[in-house]
N, C-alpha and C. Protein backbone atom coordinates (compact mmCIF):
# COMPACT_ATOMS: atom_id res chain seq x y z
N MET A 1 16.50 80.83 -0.73
CA MET A 1 15.17 80.20 -1.16
C MET A 1 14.50 80.89 -2.34
N ARG A 2 13.89 80.19 -3.45
CA ARG A 2 13.62 80.71 -4.48
C ARG A 2 12.02 81.25 -3.92
N ASN A 3 11.71 81.60 -5.16
CA ASN A 3 10.34 82.63 -4.98
C ASN A 3 9.13 81.41 -4.90
N PRO A 4 8.29 81.63 -3.94
CA PRO A 4 7.28 80.36 -3.10
C PRO A 4 6.39 80.32 -4.10
N PHE A 5 6.29 81.81 -4.98
CA PHE A 5 4.74 81.00 -6.02
C PHE A 5 5.42 80.95 -7.26
N ASP A 6 6.63 80.76 -7.76
CA ASP A 6 7.02 80.46 -9.10
C ASP A 6 6.26 78.97 -9.20
N TRP A 7 5.77 78.73 -10.93
CA TRP A 7 5.33 77.35 -10.63
C TRP A 7 6.40 75.95 -10.91
N GLU A 8 7.26 76.87 -11.67
CA GLU A 8 8.41 75.49 -11.11
C GLU A 8 8.66 75.12 -10.15
N TYR A 9 8.62 76.03 -8.96
CA TYR A 9 8.80 75.72 -7.56
C TYR A 9 7.66 75.00 -6.90
N LEU A 10 6.51 75.20 -7.15
CA LEU A 10 4.99 74.42 -7.00
C LEU A 10 5.18 73.35 -7.66
N THR A 11 5.29 72.90 -8.61
CA THR A 11 5.27 71.68 -9.64
C THR A 11 6.58 71.03 -9.75
N ALA A 12 7.30 71.23 -8.76
CA ALA A 12 9.02 70.70 -8.99
C ALA A 12 8.60 69.16 -8.11
N PRO A 13 9.42 68.05 -9.30
CA PRO A 13 9.14 66.89 -8.61
C PRO A 13 10.24 66.66 -7.19
N LEU A 14 9.72 65.47 -6.77
CA LEU A 14 10.43 65.07 -5.46
C LEU A 14 11.86 65.07 -4.74
N TRP A 15 11.77 64.24 -6.16
CA TRP A 15 13.72 64.23 -6.05
C TRP A 15 14.30 65.45 -6.28
N ARG A 16 13.90 66.82 -6.42
CA ARG A 16 14.29 68.19 -6.46
C ARG A 16 14.19 68.84 -5.41
N MET A 17 13.66 68.81 -4.77
CA MET A 17 12.90 69.21 -3.22
C MET A 17 13.23 68.55 -2.04
N PRO A 18 13.81 69.36 -1.22
CA PRO A 18 13.73 68.74 0.00
C PRO A 18 12.09 68.53 0.79
N THR A 19 11.82 67.67 1.72
CA THR A 19 10.67 67.79 2.52
C THR A 19 10.57 68.83 3.33
N TRP A 20 11.65 69.26 4.14
CA TRP A 20 11.40 69.98 5.11
C TRP A 20 12.50 71.24 4.96
N GLY A 21 11.76 72.52 5.25
CA GLY A 21 11.84 73.66 5.28
C GLY A 21 11.23 74.61 5.88
N PRO A 22 11.42 75.85 6.12
CA PRO A 22 10.74 76.83 7.03
C PRO A 22 9.37 77.00 6.67
N LEU A 23 8.58 76.74 5.43
CA LEU A 23 7.57 76.79 5.07
C LEU A 23 6.87 75.20 5.73
N SER A 24 7.29 74.28 5.32
CA SER A 24 6.98 73.04 5.66
C SER A 24 6.56 73.03 7.04
N ILE A 25 7.48 73.23 8.24
CA ILE A 25 7.58 73.50 9.08
C ILE A 25 6.34 74.23 10.10
N ALA A 26 6.15 75.30 9.52
CA ALA A 26 5.15 76.18 9.67
C ALA A 26 3.76 75.36 9.37
N TYR A 27 3.82 75.10 8.46
CA TYR A 27 2.55 74.23 7.71
C TYR A 27 2.22 73.04 8.53
N VAL A 28 3.33 72.33 8.76
CA VAL A 28 2.94 71.13 9.84
C VAL A 28 2.23 71.85 10.92
N VAL A 29 2.95 72.71 11.74
CA VAL A 29 2.63 73.32 13.04
C VAL A 29 1.35 73.93 13.13
N VAL A 30 0.55 74.39 11.87
CA VAL A 30 -0.63 75.51 11.88
C VAL A 30 -1.70 74.12 11.79
N PHE A 31 -1.36 73.52 10.99
CA PHE A 31 -2.29 72.32 10.53
C PHE A 31 -2.41 71.02 11.80
N SER A 32 -1.44 71.27 12.25
CA SER A 32 -1.38 69.75 13.20
C SER A 32 -2.54 70.69 14.53
N LEU A 33 -1.88 71.40 14.97
CA LEU A 33 -2.52 72.37 16.02
C LEU A 33 -3.99 72.77 15.60
N GLY A 34 -4.31 72.88 14.22
CA GLY A 34 -5.85 73.36 13.75
C GLY A 34 -6.46 72.13 14.09
N PHE A 35 -6.16 71.04 13.63
CA PHE A 35 -6.98 69.91 13.75
C PHE A 35 -7.18 69.43 15.11
N LEU A 36 -6.25 69.42 15.84
CA LEU A 36 -6.40 69.01 17.27
C LEU A 36 -7.35 69.81 18.00
N VAL A 37 -7.20 71.50 17.90
CA VAL A 37 -8.03 72.19 18.27
C VAL A 37 -9.40 72.16 17.75
N CYS A 38 -9.61 72.12 16.46
CA CYS A 38 -11.03 71.38 16.01
C CYS A 38 -11.52 70.39 16.56
N LEU A 39 -10.51 69.22 16.62
CA LEU A 39 -11.24 67.99 17.30
C LEU A 39 -11.63 68.22 18.77
N TRP A 40 -10.91 69.01 19.57
CA TRP A 40 -11.35 69.20 20.93
C TRP A 40 -12.78 70.09 20.67
N VAL A 41 -12.76 71.24 20.39
CA VAL A 41 -14.17 71.93 20.31
C VAL A 41 -15.16 71.13 19.96
N TYR A 42 -14.96 70.23 18.69
CA TYR A 42 -15.83 69.16 18.22
C TYR A 42 -16.84 68.27 19.28
N ASN A 43 -16.01 67.82 19.87
CA ASN A 43 -16.00 66.71 20.64
C ASN A 43 -16.63 67.39 21.81
N ASP A 44 -16.06 68.50 22.40
CA ASP A 44 -16.29 69.30 23.57
C ASP A 44 -16.23 68.43 24.71
N PRO A 45 -15.14 68.13 25.05
CA PRO A 45 -14.98 67.22 26.28
C PRO A 45 -15.98 67.88 27.81
N ARG A 46 -16.44 67.11 28.68
CA ARG A 46 -17.08 67.37 29.97
C ARG A 46 -17.94 68.48 29.55
N ARG A 47 -18.42 68.48 28.14
CA ARG A 47 -19.49 69.27 28.03
C ARG A 47 -19.26 71.03 28.39
N MET A 48 -18.24 71.27 28.55
CA MET A 48 -17.77 72.76 28.80
C MET A 48 -18.42 73.90 28.29
N ILE A 49 -18.54 73.81 27.37
CA ILE A 49 -19.28 75.08 26.20
C ILE A 49 -20.78 74.83 26.24
N ARG A 50 -21.11 73.44 25.83
CA ARG A 50 -22.57 73.28 26.07
C ARG A 50 -23.30 73.38 27.72
N LYS A 51 -22.85 73.42 28.09
CA LYS A 51 -23.24 73.74 29.61
C LYS A 51 -23.62 75.19 29.80
N ARG A 52 -22.51 76.13 29.07
CA ARG A 52 -22.67 77.29 29.34
C ARG A 52 -23.57 78.15 28.16
N ASP A 53 -23.56 77.71 27.13
CA ASP A 53 -24.03 78.31 25.97
C ASP A 53 -24.40 77.42 24.66
N PRO A 54 -25.82 76.52 24.87
CA PRO A 54 -26.08 75.69 23.99
C PRO A 54 -26.04 76.43 22.23
N LEU A 55 -26.93 77.37 22.50
CA LEU A 55 -26.48 77.99 21.04
C LEU A 55 -24.78 77.97 20.37
N LEU A 56 -24.13 78.43 21.51
CA LEU A 56 -22.32 78.61 21.35
C LEU A 56 -22.14 77.36 20.73
N ALA A 57 -22.23 76.57 21.48
CA ALA A 57 -21.72 75.12 21.27
C ALA A 57 -22.05 74.31 19.98
N GLN A 58 -23.44 74.62 19.39
CA GLN A 58 -23.66 74.50 18.29
C GLN A 58 -23.06 74.98 17.33
N PHE A 59 -23.22 76.08 17.19
CA PHE A 59 -22.49 77.17 15.95
C PHE A 59 -20.36 76.55 16.14
N LEU A 60 -20.27 76.19 17.71
CA LEU A 60 -18.58 75.87 17.35
C LEU A 60 -18.58 74.66 17.07
N GLN A 61 -19.40 73.40 17.13
CA GLN A 61 -19.40 72.47 16.61
C GLN A 61 -19.32 72.24 15.12
N ARG A 62 -20.41 73.31 14.68
CA ARG A 62 -20.32 73.46 12.82
C ARG A 62 -19.05 73.82 12.60
N ILE A 63 -18.61 75.15 13.08
CA ILE A 63 -17.72 75.60 12.31
C ILE A 63 -16.30 74.47 12.90
N ALA A 64 -16.19 73.95 13.94
CA ALA A 64 -15.36 73.10 13.76
C ALA A 64 -15.20 71.63 13.07
N GLY A 65 -16.38 71.39 12.42
CA GLY A 65 -16.44 70.16 11.57
C GLY A 65 -15.95 70.65 10.38
N TRP A 66 -16.13 71.60 10.22
CA TRP A 66 -15.62 72.23 8.40
C TRP A 66 -13.85 72.58 8.94
N GLY A 67 -13.56 72.91 10.25
CA GLY A 67 -12.29 72.67 10.42
C GLY A 67 -11.82 71.45 10.37
N LEU A 68 -12.18 70.54 11.05
CA LEU A 68 -11.76 68.96 10.66
C LEU A 68 -11.45 68.62 9.11
N ILE A 69 -12.00 69.33 8.83
CA ILE A 69 -12.00 68.65 7.07
C ILE A 69 -10.93 69.30 6.41
N VAL A 70 -11.22 70.60 6.67
CA VAL A 70 -9.99 71.40 6.10
C VAL A 70 -8.35 70.92 6.53
N PHE A 71 -8.16 70.76 7.97
CA PHE A 71 -7.15 70.52 8.44
C PHE A 71 -6.68 69.29 7.97
N GLY A 72 -7.75 68.41 8.12
CA GLY A 72 -7.57 66.80 7.51
C GLY A 72 -7.06 67.22 5.95
N ILE A 73 -7.63 67.37 5.25
CA ILE A 73 -7.31 67.96 3.50
C ILE A 73 -6.03 68.13 3.90
N GLY A 74 -5.29 69.20 4.35
CA GLY A 74 -4.07 69.70 4.59
C GLY A 74 -2.96 68.65 4.83
N LEU A 75 -3.55 67.88 6.28
CA LEU A 75 -2.71 67.32 6.91
C LEU A 75 -2.42 65.88 5.66
N PHE A 76 -3.23 65.07 5.06
CA PHE A 76 -3.31 64.90 3.73
C PHE A 76 -2.11 64.69 2.92
N PHE A 77 -2.50 65.91 2.32
CA PHE A 77 -1.42 66.20 1.04
C PHE A 77 0.11 66.15 1.56
N PHE A 78 -0.02 66.62 3.04
CA PHE A 78 1.23 66.77 3.47
C PHE A 78 2.17 65.43 4.06
N LEU A 79 1.13 64.51 4.27
CA LEU A 79 1.61 63.12 4.20
C LEU A 79 2.07 62.42 2.83
N PHE A 80 1.71 62.78 1.85
CA PHE A 80 2.22 62.74 0.47
C PHE A 80 3.77 62.94 0.43
N ARG A 81 3.71 63.79 0.85
CA ARG A 81 5.12 64.65 0.61
C ARG A 81 6.22 64.20 1.48
N LEU A 82 5.70 63.97 2.68
CA LEU A 82 6.24 63.72 3.86
C LEU A 82 6.52 61.75 3.58
N GLY A 83 5.84 61.17 3.12
CA GLY A 83 6.07 59.78 2.73
C GLY A 83 7.06 59.61 0.99
N ARG A 84 7.13 60.75 0.48
CA ARG A 84 7.51 60.74 -0.87
C ARG A 84 7.02 59.61 -1.62
N ILE A 85 5.33 60.14 -1.77
CA ILE A 85 4.65 59.10 -2.53
C ILE A 85 4.12 60.02 -3.60
N SER A 86 4.53 59.40 -4.82
CA SER A 86 4.14 60.14 -6.14
C SER A 86 2.61 59.98 -6.96
N ALA A 87 1.62 59.55 -6.11
CA ALA A 87 0.49 58.98 -6.90
C ALA A 87 -0.07 59.86 -6.92
N PHE A 88 -0.57 60.36 -8.60
CA PHE A 88 -1.47 61.08 -8.89
C PHE A 88 -0.89 62.94 -8.36
N ASN A 89 0.50 62.91 -8.53
CA ASN A 89 1.09 64.05 -7.94
C ASN A 89 0.48 64.97 -6.97
N LEU A 90 -0.01 64.37 -5.95
CA LEU A 90 -0.48 64.83 -4.58
C LEU A 90 0.53 64.96 -4.04
N TYR A 91 1.96 64.75 -4.37
CA TYR A 91 2.95 65.42 -3.36
C TYR A 91 3.38 66.85 -3.76
N MET A 92 2.85 67.64 -4.89
CA MET A 92 3.39 68.49 -5.16
C MET A 92 2.81 70.03 -4.21
N ARG A 93 3.34 70.74 -3.74
CA ARG A 93 3.74 72.31 -3.09
C ARG A 93 2.28 73.02 -3.33
N ILE A 94 1.92 72.51 -4.86
CA ILE A 94 0.60 73.76 -4.89
C ILE A 94 -0.61 72.94 -4.11
N TRP A 95 -0.76 71.64 -4.13
CA TRP A 95 -1.55 71.38 -3.10
C TRP A 95 -1.64 71.54 -1.78
N LEU A 96 -0.41 71.68 -1.25
CA LEU A 96 -0.17 72.54 0.37
C LEU A 96 -0.68 73.98 0.04
N TYR A 97 -0.05 74.33 -0.61
CA TYR A 97 -0.48 76.40 -1.08
C TYR A 97 -2.55 76.26 -0.98
N LEU A 98 -3.03 75.21 -1.89
CA LEU A 98 -4.48 75.48 -1.80
C LEU A 98 -4.80 74.92 -0.52
N SER A 99 -4.49 73.73 0.25
CA SER A 99 -5.08 73.88 1.58
C SER A 99 -4.77 75.09 1.84
N ALA A 100 -3.62 75.78 2.56
CA ALA A 100 -3.54 76.81 2.86
C ALA A 100 -4.56 77.68 2.61
N LEU A 101 -4.66 78.12 1.60
CA LEU A 101 -6.13 78.85 0.98
C LEU A 101 -7.43 78.27 1.50
N LEU A 102 -7.30 76.98 1.47
CA LEU A 102 -8.74 76.69 2.06
C LEU A 102 -8.59 76.91 3.19
N ALA A 103 -7.95 77.40 4.21
CA ALA A 103 -7.64 77.64 5.70
C ALA A 103 -8.13 78.82 6.28
N VAL A 104 -7.59 79.27 5.04
CA VAL A 104 -7.67 80.79 5.48
C VAL A 104 -8.92 81.41 5.14
N LEU A 105 -9.46 80.87 4.16
CA LEU A 105 -11.00 80.84 3.83
C LEU A 105 -12.14 80.54 4.92
N TRP A 106 -11.51 79.37 5.41
CA TRP A 106 -12.27 78.57 6.78
C TRP A 106 -12.49 79.60 7.91
N ALA A 107 -10.98 80.35 7.96
CA ALA A 107 -10.96 81.01 9.37
C ALA A 107 -12.03 82.25 9.15
N ALA A 108 -11.93 82.55 7.67
CA ALA A 108 -12.90 84.10 7.28
C ALA A 108 -14.27 83.54 7.68
N TYR A 109 -14.77 82.10 7.33
CA TYR A 109 -16.31 82.25 7.08
C TYR A 109 -16.47 81.77 8.81
N ALA A 110 -15.25 81.15 9.95
CA ALA A 110 -15.80 80.90 11.26
C ALA A 110 -15.75 82.44 11.75
N GLY A 111 -15.38 83.32 11.45
CA GLY A 111 -14.96 84.73 11.75
C GLY A 111 -16.41 85.62 11.49
N HIS A 112 -17.08 85.42 10.02
CA HIS A 112 -17.97 85.58 9.65
C HIS A 112 -19.06 85.19 10.59
N VAL A 113 -19.25 83.82 10.91
CA VAL A 113 -20.24 83.43 11.85
C VAL A 113 -20.41 83.63 13.22
N LEU A 114 -19.50 83.61 13.85
CA LEU A 114 -18.98 84.18 15.18
C LEU A 114 -19.52 85.59 15.43
N VAL A 115 -18.85 86.71 14.56
CA VAL A 115 -19.38 87.86 14.49
C VAL A 115 -20.60 88.55 13.99
N ARG A 116 -21.04 87.65 12.58
CA ARG A 116 -22.46 88.51 12.02
C ARG A 116 -23.46 87.78 12.54
N VAL A 117 -23.40 86.33 12.41
CA VAL A 117 -24.42 85.71 12.42
C VAL A 117 -24.82 85.11 13.86
N TYR A 118 -23.94 84.75 14.92
CA TYR A 118 -24.35 84.18 15.99
C TYR A 118 -24.64 85.73 17.02
N PRO A 119 -24.24 86.61 17.21
CA PRO A 119 -25.02 87.25 18.59
C PRO A 119 -26.17 87.87 17.79
N PRO A 120 -26.64 88.43 16.57
CA PRO A 120 -28.30 88.32 16.54
C PRO A 120 -29.20 87.51 17.45
N LEU A 121 -28.75 85.74 16.94
CA LEU A 121 -29.43 84.97 17.22
C LEU A 121 -29.50 84.76 18.91
N ALA A 122 -28.28 85.22 19.24
CA ALA A 122 -27.98 85.00 20.64
C ALA A 122 -29.18 85.98 21.26
N ARG A 123 -29.02 86.84 20.93
CA ARG A 123 -30.20 88.40 21.55
C ARG A 123 -31.21 87.94 21.31
N GLN A 124 -31.96 87.26 20.15
CA GLN A 124 -32.91 87.00 19.96
C GLN A 124 -33.42 85.62 20.92
N ARG A 125 -32.81 84.91 21.17
CA ARG A 125 -32.87 83.67 22.15
C ARG A 125 -33.30 84.17 23.69
N ALA A 126 -32.74 85.47 23.83
CA ALA A 126 -32.48 85.53 25.58
C ALA A 126 -33.43 86.34 25.42
N GLU A 127 -34.06 87.19 24.21
CA GLU A 127 -35.39 87.84 24.53
C GLU A 127 -36.41 86.99 24.71
N GLU A 128 -36.74 85.53 23.76
CA GLU A 128 -37.68 84.81 24.09
C GLU A 128 -37.57 84.17 25.56
N PHE A 129 -36.27 83.76 25.96
CA PHE A 129 -36.22 83.37 27.26
C PHE A 129 -36.76 84.19 28.01
N ARG A 130 -36.33 85.66 27.99
CA ARG A 130 -36.99 86.46 29.17
C ARG A 130 -38.64 86.79 29.11
N ARG A 131 -39.16 86.61 27.42
CA ARG A 131 -40.31 86.81 27.48
C ARG A 131 -41.32 85.48 27.93
N LYS A 132 -40.78 84.43 28.08
CA LYS A 132 -41.34 82.94 28.36
C LYS A 132 -41.34 83.03 29.82
N GLN A 133 -40.10 83.74 30.37
CA GLN A 133 -39.79 83.47 31.81
C GLN A 133 -40.83 84.48 32.85
N TYR A 134 -41.56 85.92 31.92
CA TYR A 134 -42.65 86.42 32.33
C TYR A 134 -43.72 86.17 32.18
N ALA A 135 -43.83 84.87 31.32
CA ALA A 135 -45.30 84.93 30.65
C ALA A 135 -46.35 83.74 30.93
N THR A 136 -45.42 83.23 32.07
CA THR A 136 -45.57 81.84 32.82
C THR A 136 -46.37 82.27 34.28
N ILE A 137 -47.36 81.63 34.07
CA ILE A 137 -48.48 81.71 35.33
C ILE A 137 -48.89 80.63 36.07
N PRO A 138 -48.28 80.36 37.08
CA PRO A 138 -48.78 79.33 37.67
C PRO A 138 -49.67 78.72 37.87
N LYS A 139 -50.18 77.27 37.90
CA LYS A 139 -51.79 76.84 37.94
C LYS A 139 -52.29 77.24 38.90
N HIS A 140 -51.46 76.73 39.89
CA HIS A 140 -52.42 77.38 41.13
C HIS A 140 -51.87 77.86 42.14
N ALA A 141 -52.53 78.91 42.60
CA ALA A 141 -51.68 79.59 43.47
C ALA A 141 -51.36 78.97 45.02
N PRO A 142 -50.21 79.61 45.27
CA PRO A 142 -49.72 78.89 46.68
C PRO A 142 -50.47 79.49 47.76
N ARG A 143 -51.06 78.19 48.75
CA ARG A 143 -51.74 78.88 49.78
C ARG A 143 -50.85 79.25 50.90
N ARG A 144 -51.85 80.61 51.37
CA ARG A 144 -51.07 80.86 52.62
C ARG A 144 -52.14 80.60 54.08
N ARG A 145 -51.19 80.46 55.14
CA ARG A 145 -51.95 79.82 56.37
C ARG A 145 -52.23 81.50 56.73
N ALA A 146 -53.56 81.44 57.32
CA ALA A 146 -54.00 82.35 57.96
C ALA A 146 -53.04 82.74 59.17
N SER A 147 -52.71 83.47 59.61
CA SER A 147 -51.80 83.07 61.35
C SER A 147 -52.64 83.57 62.37
N THR A 148 -52.84 82.43 63.01
CA THR A 148 -53.33 82.72 64.32
C THR A 148 -53.35 82.95 65.57
N PRO A 149 -53.62 83.41 66.49
CA PRO A 149 -52.74 83.43 67.52
C PRO A 149 -51.89 82.44 68.30
N GLN A 150 -52.97 81.09 67.70
CA GLN A 150 -51.94 79.85 68.06
C GLN A 150 -50.28 79.71 67.43
N SER A 151 -50.71 80.17 66.09
CA SER A 151 -49.49 79.51 65.42
C SER A 151 -48.19 80.89 65.81
N VAL A 152 -48.94 81.94 66.05
CA VAL A 152 -48.02 82.83 66.97
C VAL A 152 -47.21 82.75 67.94
N THR A 153 -48.10 82.01 68.90
CA THR A 153 -47.25 81.46 70.14
C THR A 153 -46.63 80.55 70.01
N ARG A 154 -46.53 80.00 68.76
CA ARG A 154 -46.07 78.50 68.81
C ARG A 154 -44.46 78.92 68.16
N LYS A 155 -44.62 79.73 67.45
CA LYS A 155 -43.06 80.07 66.79
C LYS A 155 -42.57 80.75 67.74
N SER A 156 -43.16 81.54 68.72
CA SER A 156 -42.61 82.41 69.61
C SER A 156 -41.73 81.40 70.69
N ARG A 157 -41.85 80.11 70.62
CA ARG A 157 -41.46 79.58 71.99
C ARG A 157 -40.45 78.81 71.34
C-alpha cells in the first residue's frame, strides 16, 4: 500500500485506483454505523431518552442532527467513488479524508457538549426543580375530621 497522505494517492484518477481496500472498508463501516446510530438517537424511538431526561434528549438530538449531516456527507462522497462517477472530481480520496476529519471534529464537539456544557445545566435544572418542589404552598389545607367517640367505635367494628 502506498503512503495514504501522498498527494498523488489522494487525487489519483478512478481508473488507477481500486474502489475497495482496507481503508475504504473501514470508512464505509464507520460512516454507515455512525449514520444509523445518529438517525436512531435523533428520532428517539419509543421516547426512551426523552422520558428519562428531557434536557439530555435535547442535547443528544442536537448532536445527532449534526452527526447525520457529517456522516451523510461522507457517505455521499463515497457513493461517487463506489459508482465510479467522475463529476466535479468528487470521487477523489481527499474528499473522503476531509469527511473523516469532519467526523473527528464532530466527535470532539459531541464530547465537549456532553462533558462540559450538559452537566452544569443539568445541575442547575435539578436545583430549580428542588426549589420549586419546596416552594409550592397548597392553596387549601386539607381538612381534618375531628375524631369523635362514634367514629372511633365505627372503625373498630
